[in-house]
Every structure is written in C-alpha cells, then in structure tokens.
Amino acid sequence: MSKPTFTIEYTQPRSRLSTLFRAVLFIPHYIIEYAWRVLAQVLAFLQWFVILFTGRRNEGIWKLQRAYLGYAARVWAYYGLSFDKWPNIGPEPNGEPTKFEFEYSADANRLTNFFRFIWLIPTLVVAIVVMIVAVICVVLSWFAIILTGKHPRNLFDFLARTHAFMAHLQACALLMSDERPKF
C-alpha cells in the first residue's frame, strides 16, 4: 500500500521581507492551485467509478492527481512559512527545500472507496483541530521570523508534520491511497 511522504528541510536564516509579504506573494500560486484542485477533484469522481467497477486505480488519472498533490504540498508549505524560496509553478520543485514522494499502487479497496467520505470523518475531525493549531503556529512563526529572522524549530516541526499529514489526507480523499492518515 502506498502513501505520500512530504518533508521540508529546516533552513536558517529566514527572509523577513519575503515573510512580511507572503500573503501577496502567494496569490498567483493560489489561483493555479485552486484550478488544479478542481481538476483533481473531478478526476477523483471519475476514479471513484473506475475503482468501484474494476478494483484498480487508473494510472493516468493517478499521475495527474499526483502532480497536483506535489505542487499543492509545496505551495501550502510556502504559504505556511516553512521556507522562503518562491515555489516553481508546476509539478517539479526547482530548488525548494522540500521532497515529495508517492508511488503508484494500482490495487484499491472497493469497500473503503465506496464509503470513503464516511470512512474519513474521524480523520477530518482530527484535521480540523490540527489546522486550527497550525494557523496559530503560522501566526506565531510570522511574528518570530519578522522580529528575529529565525523560525523557531518547534513551530517549524509542527508545521512540517501538519503539511505531511494534510498531503496524506488529500491523497486519501482523492482516492489515491487506501491508507488512512495518522498525525
């Protein structure tokens, strides 16, 4: 069974200027990520039927979704202040201190596929709590980076785990993996 892994390298010092204007710098990526997310969700709807009838994932659909997921993970980590280098637009990183790995697995569980959103409810509740804490950590990180030029390691580590968890959750919700994410 395959699950995505997303890691971010801890870097110091951090750019105060980039951090100060991060929300503005993120806008072009948000537009692209949003459009790509809609496509990935439409593909997940199609994949649901493919899995239900064949018990296997369509590799072409999976690869398009994987490209989206790698890009989205990098972009949201950038917005979440995990690194300063402006992310490459597209599926491949261009020097960002991140690593996204996810191997294709054709076999899929028809039962968990059929009830995927019911099956994910407990994980979604955990994700809501984690995201609330992550927003608080991003705000604290923003102030810390602006004032000191450094990202406190404990905040960085929590945010890195949050990004990895959310990438895994998205993979599961997009029917790319049958393994439920754990924080």
N, C-alpha and C. Protein backbone atom coordinates (compact mmCIF):
# COMPACT_ATOMS: atom_id res chain seq x y z
N MET A 1 0.86 -1.19 0.00
CA MET A 1 0.00 0.00 0.00
C MET A 1 0.90 1.24 0.00
N SER A 2 0.54 2.19 -0.79
CA SER A 2 1.37 3.38 -0.96
C SER A 2 0.75 4.59 -0.27
N LYS A 3 1.61 5.38 0.34
CA LYS A 3 1.17 6.64 0.93
C LYS A 3 2.20 7.71 0.61
N PRO A 4 1.76 8.95 0.51
CA PRO A 4 2.70 10.02 0.18
C PRO A 4 3.57 10.39 1.38
N THR A 5 4.78 10.82 1.09
CA THR A 5 5.63 11.39 2.12
C THR A 5 6.05 12.78 1.65
N PHE A 6 6.00 13.72 2.55
CA PHE A 6 6.36 15.10 2.24
C PHE A 6 7.24 15.60 3.37
N THR A 7 8.46 15.99 3.02
CA THR A 7 9.39 16.50 4.02
C THR A 7 9.89 17.88 3.60
N ILE A 8 10.20 18.68 4.60
CA ILE A 8 10.70 20.03 4.38
C ILE A 8 11.99 20.17 5.17
N GLU A 9 13.00 20.70 4.51
CA GLU A 9 14.29 20.91 5.17
C GLU A 9 14.24 22.21 5.97
N TYR A 10 14.71 22.14 7.20
CA TYR A 10 14.76 23.32 8.06
C TYR A 10 15.90 24.22 7.61
N THR A 11 15.60 25.48 7.32
CA THR A 11 16.62 26.41 6.84
C THR A 11 16.65 27.66 7.71
N GLN A 12 17.85 28.19 7.89
CA GLN A 12 18.06 29.45 8.61
C GLN A 12 19.13 30.21 7.86
N PRO A 13 19.23 31.50 7.91
CA PRO A 13 18.23 32.44 8.43
C PRO A 13 17.06 32.55 7.46
N ARG A 14 16.03 33.21 7.90
CA ARG A 14 14.82 33.36 7.10
C ARG A 14 14.68 34.80 6.63
N SER A 15 14.04 34.97 5.49
CA SER A 15 13.85 36.30 4.90
C SER A 15 12.68 37.02 5.57
N ARG A 16 13.00 38.12 6.20
CA ARG A 16 11.95 38.92 6.84
C ARG A 16 11.04 39.56 5.80
N LEU A 17 11.62 40.04 4.71
CA LEU A 17 10.84 40.71 3.67
C LEU A 17 9.87 39.74 2.98
N SER A 18 10.37 38.58 2.60
CA SER A 18 9.51 37.56 1.98
C SER A 18 8.39 37.14 2.93
N THR A 19 8.72 36.99 4.18
CA THR A 19 7.72 36.61 5.18
C THR A 19 6.68 37.70 5.36
N LEU A 20 7.12 38.95 5.38
CA LEU A 20 6.21 40.07 5.56
C LEU A 20 5.14 40.11 4.46
N PHE A 21 5.53 39.83 3.23
CA PHE A 21 4.60 39.91 2.10
C PHE A 21 4.16 38.54 1.58
N ARG A 22 4.24 37.52 2.39
CA ARG A 22 3.93 36.16 1.96
C ARG A 22 2.52 36.02 1.40
N ALA A 23 1.55 36.65 2.02
CA ALA A 23 0.16 36.53 1.54
C ALA A 23 0.01 37.08 0.12
N VAL A 24 0.71 38.15 -0.18
CA VAL A 24 0.65 38.74 -1.52
C VAL A 24 1.40 37.86 -2.51
N LEU A 25 2.57 37.37 -2.13
CA LEU A 25 3.37 36.51 -2.99
C LEU A 25 2.67 35.19 -3.31
N PHE A 26 1.77 34.79 -2.45
CA PHE A 26 1.07 33.52 -2.59
C PHE A 26 -0.07 33.58 -3.60
N ILE A 27 -0.58 34.75 -3.92
CA ILE A 27 -1.78 34.90 -4.76
C ILE A 27 -1.69 34.16 -6.09
N PRO A 28 -0.63 34.33 -6.90
CA PRO A 28 -0.60 33.59 -8.17
C PRO A 28 -0.64 32.07 -7.98
N HIS A 29 0.05 31.59 -6.95
CA HIS A 29 0.04 30.16 -6.67
C HIS A 29 -1.35 29.70 -6.23
N TYR A 30 -2.03 30.51 -5.48
CA TYR A 30 -3.36 30.12 -5.01
C TYR A 30 -4.31 29.95 -6.21
N ILE A 31 -4.24 30.84 -7.16
CA ILE A 31 -5.11 30.76 -8.34
C ILE A 31 -4.84 29.46 -9.11
N ILE A 32 -3.57 29.16 -9.33
CA ILE A 32 -3.20 27.95 -10.06
C ILE A 32 -3.57 26.71 -9.25
N GLU A 33 -3.25 26.72 -7.96
CA GLU A 33 -3.55 25.57 -7.10
C GLU A 33 -5.05 25.31 -7.04
N TYR A 34 -5.85 26.37 -6.96
CA TYR A 34 -7.30 26.21 -6.89
C TYR A 34 -7.84 25.57 -8.17
N ALA A 35 -7.42 26.05 -9.33
CA ALA A 35 -7.89 25.49 -10.60
C ALA A 35 -7.47 24.02 -10.72
N TRP A 36 -6.23 23.74 -10.33
CA TRP A 36 -5.72 22.37 -10.40
C TRP A 36 -6.45 21.47 -9.39
N ARG A 37 -6.79 22.01 -8.22
CA ARG A 37 -7.53 21.25 -7.22
C ARG A 37 -8.90 20.84 -7.75
N VAL A 38 -9.59 21.76 -8.42
CA VAL A 38 -10.90 21.45 -9.00
C VAL A 38 -10.75 20.30 -10.00
N LEU A 39 -9.73 20.36 -10.85
CA LEU A 39 -9.49 19.28 -11.80
C LEU A 39 -9.23 17.96 -11.06
N ALA A 40 -8.40 17.99 -10.01
CA ALA A 40 -8.08 16.78 -9.25
C ALA A 40 -9.33 16.19 -8.60
N GLN A 41 -10.25 17.04 -8.17
CA GLN A 41 -11.49 16.56 -7.56
C GLN A 41 -12.42 15.94 -8.60
N VAL A 42 -12.49 16.54 -9.78
CA VAL A 42 -13.28 15.95 -10.87
C VAL A 42 -12.70 14.59 -11.24
N LEU A 43 -11.38 14.52 -11.31
CA LEU A 43 -10.73 13.24 -11.62
C LEU A 43 -10.99 12.21 -10.52
N ALA A 44 -11.05 12.66 -9.27
CA ALA A 44 -11.36 11.73 -8.17
C ALA A 44 -12.76 11.15 -8.33
N PHE A 45 -13.69 11.97 -8.78
CA PHE A 45 -15.06 11.49 -9.04
C PHE A 45 -15.03 10.39 -10.10
N LEU A 46 -14.27 10.61 -11.17
CA LEU A 46 -14.15 9.60 -12.21
C LEU A 46 -13.43 8.36 -11.69
N GLN A 47 -12.38 8.59 -10.90
CA GLN A 47 -11.62 7.48 -10.33
C GLN A 47 -12.49 6.62 -9.41
N TRP A 48 -13.43 7.24 -8.73
CA TRP A 48 -14.33 6.51 -7.83
C TRP A 48 -15.06 5.41 -8.60
N PHE A 49 -15.57 5.76 -9.78
CA PHE A 49 -16.27 4.77 -10.60
C PHE A 49 -15.32 3.72 -11.15
N VAL A 50 -14.12 4.14 -11.55
CA VAL A 50 -13.13 3.19 -12.06
C VAL A 50 -12.80 2.16 -10.99
N ILE A 51 -12.54 2.62 -9.77
CA ILE A 51 -12.20 1.71 -8.68
C ILE A 51 -13.39 0.82 -8.32
N LEU A 52 -14.56 1.39 -8.28
CA LEU A 52 -15.76 0.64 -7.91
C LEU A 52 -15.99 -0.53 -8.87
N PHE A 53 -15.78 -0.30 -10.16
CA PHE A 53 -16.07 -1.34 -11.14
C PHE A 53 -14.90 -2.26 -11.43
N THR A 54 -13.66 -1.79 -11.27
CA THR A 54 -12.51 -2.62 -11.63
C THR A 54 -11.67 -3.06 -10.42
N GLY A 55 -11.76 -2.34 -9.31
CA GLY A 55 -10.92 -2.65 -8.15
C GLY A 55 -9.50 -2.15 -8.31
N ARG A 56 -9.26 -1.35 -9.33
CA ARG A 56 -7.92 -0.82 -9.61
C ARG A 56 -8.01 0.66 -9.93
N ARG A 57 -6.93 1.38 -9.65
CA ARG A 57 -6.86 2.80 -9.99
C ARG A 57 -6.40 2.98 -11.43
N ASN A 58 -6.92 3.99 -12.08
CA ASN A 58 -6.45 4.36 -13.41
C ASN A 58 -5.14 5.13 -13.24
N GLU A 59 -4.08 4.65 -13.86
CA GLU A 59 -2.75 5.25 -13.66
C GLU A 59 -2.66 6.67 -14.21
N GLY A 60 -3.31 6.94 -15.33
CA GLY A 60 -3.27 8.29 -15.91
C GLY A 60 -3.92 9.31 -15.00
N ILE A 61 -5.08 8.97 -14.46
CA ILE A 61 -5.76 9.86 -13.50
C ILE A 61 -4.88 10.04 -12.28
N TRP A 62 -4.33 8.94 -11.77
CA TRP A 62 -3.50 9.00 -10.57
C TRP A 62 -2.29 9.91 -10.78
N LYS A 63 -1.65 9.83 -11.94
CA LYS A 63 -0.46 10.65 -12.21
C LYS A 63 -0.81 12.14 -12.26
N LEU A 64 -1.94 12.48 -12.86
CA LEU A 64 -2.36 13.88 -12.87
C LEU A 64 -2.63 14.39 -11.45
N GLN A 65 -3.28 13.55 -10.65
CA GLN A 65 -3.54 13.93 -9.26
C GLN A 65 -2.24 14.01 -8.46
N ARG A 66 -1.31 13.13 -8.73
CA ARG A 66 -0.03 13.15 -8.02
C ARG A 66 0.74 14.44 -8.33
N ALA A 67 0.71 14.85 -9.59
CA ALA A 67 1.37 16.10 -9.97
C ALA A 67 0.74 17.27 -9.20
N TYR A 68 -0.58 17.28 -9.12
CA TYR A 68 -1.27 18.33 -8.36
C TYR A 68 -0.85 18.28 -6.89
N LEU A 69 -0.85 17.09 -6.31
CA LEU A 69 -0.58 16.96 -4.88
C LEU A 69 0.84 17.41 -4.53
N GLY A 70 1.80 17.09 -5.37
CA GLY A 70 3.18 17.55 -5.14
C GLY A 70 3.28 19.07 -5.18
N TYR A 71 2.61 19.66 -6.15
CA TYR A 71 2.61 21.12 -6.27
C TYR A 71 1.89 21.75 -5.08
N ALA A 72 0.71 21.25 -4.76
CA ALA A 72 -0.09 21.82 -3.67
C ALA A 72 0.66 21.73 -2.34
N ALA A 73 1.32 20.61 -2.09
CA ALA A 73 2.06 20.47 -0.83
C ALA A 73 3.16 21.52 -0.73
N ARG A 74 3.89 21.74 -1.81
CA ARG A 74 4.96 22.76 -1.81
C ARG A 74 4.38 24.16 -1.62
N VAL A 75 3.30 24.45 -2.34
CA VAL A 75 2.73 25.80 -2.29
C VAL A 75 2.17 26.10 -0.90
N TRP A 76 1.46 25.16 -0.30
CA TRP A 76 0.90 25.41 1.02
C TRP A 76 1.99 25.46 2.09
N ALA A 77 3.07 24.71 1.90
CA ALA A 77 4.20 24.81 2.84
C ALA A 77 4.86 26.18 2.72
N TYR A 78 4.95 26.70 1.50
CA TYR A 78 5.49 28.05 1.30
C TYR A 78 4.60 29.07 1.99
N TYR A 79 3.29 28.97 1.77
CA TYR A 79 2.36 29.90 2.41
C TYR A 79 2.39 29.76 3.93
N GLY A 80 2.62 28.55 4.41
CA GLY A 80 2.70 28.28 5.84
C GLY A 80 4.05 28.62 6.45
N LEU A 81 4.87 29.37 5.72
CA LEU A 81 6.15 29.90 6.21
C LEU A 81 7.21 28.84 6.49
N SER A 82 7.11 27.69 5.84
CA SER A 82 8.10 26.64 6.08
C SER A 82 9.40 26.84 5.32
N PHE A 83 9.37 27.66 4.26
CA PHE A 83 10.59 28.01 3.54
C PHE A 83 10.36 29.32 2.80
N ASP A 84 11.45 29.93 2.29
CA ASP A 84 11.36 31.25 1.67
C ASP A 84 11.41 31.25 0.14
N LYS A 85 12.00 30.24 -0.47
CA LYS A 85 12.15 30.24 -1.94
C LYS A 85 10.77 30.14 -2.59
N TRP A 86 10.52 31.06 -3.53
CA TRP A 86 9.23 31.07 -4.23
C TRP A 86 9.10 29.77 -5.01
N PRO A 87 8.02 29.00 -4.82
CA PRO A 87 7.91 27.69 -5.45
C PRO A 87 7.78 27.77 -6.98
N ASN A 88 8.32 26.74 -7.61
CA ASN A 88 8.18 26.59 -9.05
C ASN A 88 6.71 26.35 -9.39
N ILE A 89 6.24 26.96 -10.47
CA ILE A 89 4.87 26.70 -10.91
C ILE A 89 4.91 25.44 -11.74
N GLY A 90 4.29 24.39 -11.24
CA GLY A 90 4.28 23.11 -11.91
C GLY A 90 4.59 21.99 -10.95
N PRO A 91 4.57 20.77 -11.45
CA PRO A 91 4.71 19.62 -10.54
C PRO A 91 6.11 19.39 -10.00
N GLU A 92 7.14 19.88 -10.66
CA GLU A 92 8.50 19.62 -10.21
C GLU A 92 9.06 20.79 -9.40
N PRO A 93 9.71 20.49 -8.27
CA PRO A 93 10.34 21.56 -7.49
C PRO A 93 11.55 22.12 -8.23
N ASN A 94 11.90 23.35 -7.90
CA ASN A 94 13.06 24.00 -8.51
C ASN A 94 13.92 24.60 -7.40
N GLY A 95 14.49 23.73 -6.60
CA GLY A 95 15.38 24.19 -5.55
C GLY A 95 14.70 24.46 -4.21
N GLU A 96 13.37 24.25 -4.13
CA GLU A 96 12.71 24.41 -2.83
C GLU A 96 13.20 23.31 -1.90
N PRO A 97 13.34 23.61 -0.62
CA PRO A 97 13.87 22.60 0.31
C PRO A 97 12.80 21.59 0.74
N THR A 98 12.15 20.98 -0.25
CA THR A 98 11.09 20.01 0.02
C THR A 98 11.34 18.74 -0.76
N LYS A 99 10.70 17.67 -0.30
CA LYS A 99 10.78 16.39 -1.01
C LYS A 99 9.41 15.73 -0.90
N PHE A 100 8.83 15.41 -2.06
CA PHE A 100 7.53 14.75 -2.11
C PHE A 100 7.69 13.44 -2.86
N GLU A 101 7.31 12.35 -2.20
CA GLU A 101 7.40 11.03 -2.82
C GLU A 101 6.06 10.32 -2.66
N PHE A 102 5.67 9.65 -3.74
CA PHE A 102 4.40 8.92 -3.72
C PHE A 102 4.44 7.93 -4.87
N GLU A 103 4.43 6.65 -4.55
CA GLU A 103 4.50 5.60 -5.55
C GLU A 103 3.09 5.13 -5.91
N TYR A 104 2.90 4.86 -7.18
CA TYR A 104 1.62 4.39 -7.70
C TYR A 104 1.34 2.96 -7.24
N SER A 105 0.12 2.74 -6.81
CA SER A 105 -0.35 1.41 -6.48
C SER A 105 -1.69 1.22 -7.17
N ALA A 106 -1.77 0.26 -8.07
CA ALA A 106 -2.98 0.06 -8.86
C ALA A 106 -4.12 -0.51 -8.03
N ASP A 107 -3.81 -1.43 -7.14
CA ASP A 107 -4.87 -2.09 -6.36
C ASP A 107 -5.55 -1.11 -5.42
N ALA A 108 -6.87 -1.20 -5.36
CA ALA A 108 -7.65 -0.31 -4.50
C ALA A 108 -8.74 -1.13 -3.82
N ASN A 109 -9.07 -0.74 -2.61
CA ASN A 109 -10.11 -1.41 -1.84
C ASN A 109 -11.47 -0.85 -2.24
N ARG A 110 -12.30 -1.67 -2.83
CA ARG A 110 -13.61 -1.21 -3.30
C ARG A 110 -14.51 -0.74 -2.15
N LEU A 111 -14.45 -1.44 -1.03
CA LEU A 111 -15.32 -1.09 0.10
C LEU A 111 -14.96 0.27 0.69
N THR A 112 -13.68 0.49 0.98
CA THR A 112 -13.30 1.80 1.53
C THR A 112 -13.45 2.89 0.49
N ASN A 113 -13.31 2.54 -0.79
CA ASN A 113 -13.56 3.51 -1.86
C ASN A 113 -15.03 3.92 -1.87
N PHE A 114 -15.92 2.95 -1.76
CA PHE A 114 -17.35 3.24 -1.82
C PHE A 114 -17.78 4.15 -0.67
N PHE A 115 -17.25 3.88 0.53
CA PHE A 115 -17.63 4.66 1.72
C PHE A 115 -16.54 5.65 2.13
N ARG A 116 -15.73 6.13 1.19
CA ARG A 116 -14.55 6.93 1.51
C ARG A 116 -14.84 8.12 2.42
N PHE A 117 -15.84 8.89 2.13
CA PHE A 117 -16.05 10.11 2.92
C PHE A 117 -16.62 9.81 4.30
N ILE A 118 -17.36 8.76 4.44
CA ILE A 118 -17.80 8.34 5.78
C ILE A 118 -16.59 7.79 6.54
N TRP A 119 -15.78 7.01 5.87
CA TRP A 119 -14.59 6.39 6.45
C TRP A 119 -13.58 7.45 6.91
N LEU A 120 -13.57 8.61 6.25
CA LEU A 120 -12.61 9.66 6.59
C LEU A 120 -13.10 10.64 7.67
N ILE A 121 -14.34 10.55 8.09
CA ILE A 121 -14.88 11.52 9.05
C ILE A 121 -14.01 11.67 10.31
N PRO A 122 -13.61 10.58 10.98
CA PRO A 122 -12.75 10.77 12.18
C PRO A 122 -11.44 11.50 11.86
N THR A 123 -10.85 11.20 10.71
CA THR A 123 -9.61 11.87 10.32
C THR A 123 -9.86 13.33 10.01
N LEU A 124 -11.00 13.64 9.42
CA LEU A 124 -11.34 15.04 9.12
C LEU A 124 -11.53 15.85 10.40
N VAL A 125 -12.08 15.23 11.44
CA VAL A 125 -12.23 15.91 12.73
C VAL A 125 -10.85 16.23 13.30
N VAL A 126 -9.94 15.26 13.24
CA VAL A 126 -8.57 15.50 13.71
C VAL A 126 -7.93 16.61 12.86
N ALA A 127 -8.16 16.58 11.54
CA ALA A 127 -7.57 17.58 10.64
C ALA A 127 -8.05 18.99 10.98
N ILE A 128 -9.30 19.13 11.36
CA ILE A 128 -9.82 20.46 11.73
C ILE A 128 -9.07 20.99 12.95
N VAL A 129 -8.90 20.15 13.95
CA VAL A 129 -8.19 20.56 15.17
C VAL A 129 -6.73 20.89 14.83
N VAL A 130 -6.10 20.04 14.05
CA VAL A 130 -4.70 20.26 13.67
C VAL A 130 -4.57 21.57 12.90
N MET A 131 -5.49 21.85 12.00
CA MET A 131 -5.41 23.08 11.20
C MET A 131 -5.62 24.33 12.07
N ILE A 132 -6.47 24.25 13.05
CA ILE A 132 -6.64 25.40 13.96
C ILE A 132 -5.33 25.68 14.69
N VAL A 133 -4.70 24.63 15.19
CA VAL A 133 -3.41 24.80 15.88
C VAL A 133 -2.35 25.28 14.89
N ALA A 134 -2.39 24.77 13.65
CA ALA A 134 -1.41 25.18 12.65
C ALA A 134 -1.54 26.65 12.30
N VAL A 135 -2.75 27.16 12.22
CA VAL A 135 -2.94 28.59 11.94
C VAL A 135 -2.33 29.43 13.05
N ILE A 136 -2.52 29.02 14.28
CA ILE A 136 -1.91 29.72 15.42
C ILE A 136 -0.39 29.66 15.31
N CYS A 137 0.15 28.49 14.93
CA CYS A 137 1.60 28.35 14.78
C CYS A 137 2.14 29.22 13.65
N VAL A 138 1.39 29.34 12.55
CA VAL A 138 1.83 30.19 11.44
C VAL A 138 1.87 31.65 11.88
N VAL A 139 0.86 32.10 12.62
CA VAL A 139 0.85 33.49 13.10
C VAL A 139 2.04 33.73 14.03
N LEU A 140 2.28 32.81 14.95
CA LEU A 140 3.43 32.94 15.86
C LEU A 140 4.74 32.90 15.07
N SER A 141 4.82 32.03 14.08
CA SER A 141 6.01 31.94 13.24
C SER A 141 6.24 33.23 12.47
N TRP A 142 5.16 33.80 11.95
CA TRP A 142 5.27 35.04 11.19
C TRP A 142 5.90 36.14 12.05
N PHE A 143 5.38 36.31 13.28
CA PHE A 143 5.96 37.31 14.17
C PHE A 143 7.40 36.99 14.53
N ALA A 144 7.70 35.72 14.79
CA ALA A 144 9.06 35.33 15.17
C ALA A 144 10.04 35.61 14.02
N ILE A 145 9.64 35.27 12.80
CA ILE A 145 10.54 35.49 11.66
C ILE A 145 10.72 36.98 11.40
N ILE A 146 9.64 37.74 11.46
CA ILE A 146 9.73 39.19 11.24
C ILE A 146 10.63 39.85 12.29
N LEU A 147 10.49 39.44 13.54
CA LEU A 147 11.25 40.08 14.62
C LEU A 147 12.69 39.58 14.74
N THR A 148 12.91 38.27 14.51
CA THR A 148 14.24 37.71 14.76
C THR A 148 14.96 37.21 13.51
N GLY A 149 14.22 37.01 12.43
CA GLY A 149 14.83 36.44 11.23
C GLY A 149 15.04 34.94 11.33
N LYS A 150 14.49 34.33 12.35
CA LYS A 150 14.62 32.88 12.56
C LYS A 150 13.24 32.26 12.79
N HIS A 151 13.11 31.02 12.34
CA HIS A 151 11.86 30.28 12.55
C HIS A 151 12.08 29.34 13.73
N PRO A 152 11.35 29.50 14.83
CA PRO A 152 11.54 28.59 15.97
C PRO A 152 11.36 27.13 15.54
N ARG A 153 12.31 26.31 15.92
CA ARG A 153 12.34 24.92 15.45
C ARG A 153 11.08 24.15 15.83
N ASN A 154 10.57 24.34 17.04
CA ASN A 154 9.38 23.59 17.45
C ASN A 154 8.15 23.95 16.60
N LEU A 155 8.01 25.22 16.26
CA LEU A 155 6.90 25.63 15.38
C LEU A 155 7.09 25.06 13.98
N PHE A 156 8.33 25.12 13.48
CA PHE A 156 8.63 24.56 12.16
C PHE A 156 8.29 23.07 12.12
N ASP A 157 8.72 22.32 13.12
CA ASP A 157 8.50 20.88 13.15
C ASP A 157 7.01 20.55 13.15
N PHE A 158 6.22 21.28 13.93
CA PHE A 158 4.78 21.04 13.95
C PHE A 158 4.17 21.34 12.59
N LEU A 159 4.57 22.44 11.99
CA LEU A 159 4.03 22.81 10.67
C LEU A 159 4.45 21.80 9.60
N ALA A 160 5.67 21.31 9.66
CA ALA A 160 6.12 20.31 8.70
C ALA A 160 5.29 19.03 8.82
N ARG A 161 5.03 18.60 10.04
CA ARG A 161 4.19 17.41 10.25
C ARG A 161 2.76 17.67 9.77
N THR A 162 2.28 18.88 9.98
CA THR A 162 0.94 19.23 9.52
C THR A 162 0.85 19.16 8.00
N HIS A 163 1.84 19.71 7.31
CA HIS A 163 1.83 19.67 5.84
C HIS A 163 1.88 18.22 5.33
N ALA A 164 2.68 17.38 5.95
CA ALA A 164 2.76 15.98 5.55
C ALA A 164 1.43 15.27 5.79
N PHE A 165 0.82 15.54 6.94
CA PHE A 165 -0.48 14.95 7.28
C PHE A 165 -1.56 15.39 6.28
N MET A 166 -1.58 16.67 5.95
CA MET A 166 -2.59 17.18 5.03
C MET A 166 -2.39 16.63 3.61
N ALA A 167 -1.14 16.45 3.19
CA ALA A 167 -0.89 15.85 1.88
C ALA A 167 -1.40 14.42 1.85
N HIS A 168 -1.18 13.69 2.93
CA HIS A 168 -1.68 12.31 3.01
C HIS A 168 -3.21 12.29 3.04
N LEU A 169 -3.81 13.20 3.78
CA LEU A 169 -5.26 13.28 3.83
C LEU A 169 -5.84 13.59 2.45
N GLN A 170 -5.23 14.53 1.74
CA GLN A 170 -5.71 14.85 0.39
C GLN A 170 -5.57 13.65 -0.53
N ALA A 171 -4.47 12.91 -0.43
CA ALA A 171 -4.28 11.72 -1.25
C ALA A 171 -5.37 10.70 -0.99
N CYS A 172 -5.72 10.55 0.26
CA CYS A 172 -6.78 9.61 0.63
C CYS A 172 -8.14 10.09 0.13
N ALA A 173 -8.41 11.38 0.29
CA ALA A 173 -9.69 11.94 -0.16
C ALA A 173 -9.80 11.91 -1.69
N LEU A 174 -8.69 12.02 -2.38
CA LEU A 174 -8.70 11.97 -3.85
C LEU A 174 -8.63 10.54 -4.38
N LEU A 175 -8.76 9.56 -3.48
CA LEU A 175 -8.78 8.14 -3.80
C LEU A 175 -7.46 7.63 -4.37
N MET A 176 -6.38 8.28 -4.00
CA MET A 176 -5.05 7.90 -4.48
C MET A 176 -4.39 6.88 -3.57
N SER A 177 -4.90 6.75 -2.35
CA SER A 177 -4.33 5.85 -1.36
C SER A 177 -5.46 5.31 -0.50
N ASP A 178 -5.33 4.07 -0.07
CA ASP A 178 -6.34 3.47 0.81
C ASP A 178 -5.92 3.51 2.27
N GLU A 179 -4.72 4.02 2.55
CA GLU A 179 -4.22 4.08 3.91
C GLU A 179 -4.65 5.37 4.57
N ARG A 180 -5.39 5.27 5.68
CA ARG A 180 -5.87 6.44 6.38
C ARG A 180 -4.71 7.17 7.05
N PRO A 181 -4.63 8.49 6.90
CA PRO A 181 -3.52 9.23 7.50
C PRO A 181 -3.61 9.30 9.02
N LYS A 182 -2.44 9.33 9.65
CA LYS A 182 -2.35 9.50 11.10
C LYS A 182 -1.45 10.68 11.35
N PHE A 183 -1.79 11.49 12.36
CA PHE A 183 -0.97 12.67 12.63
C PHE A 183 0.21 12.25 13.45
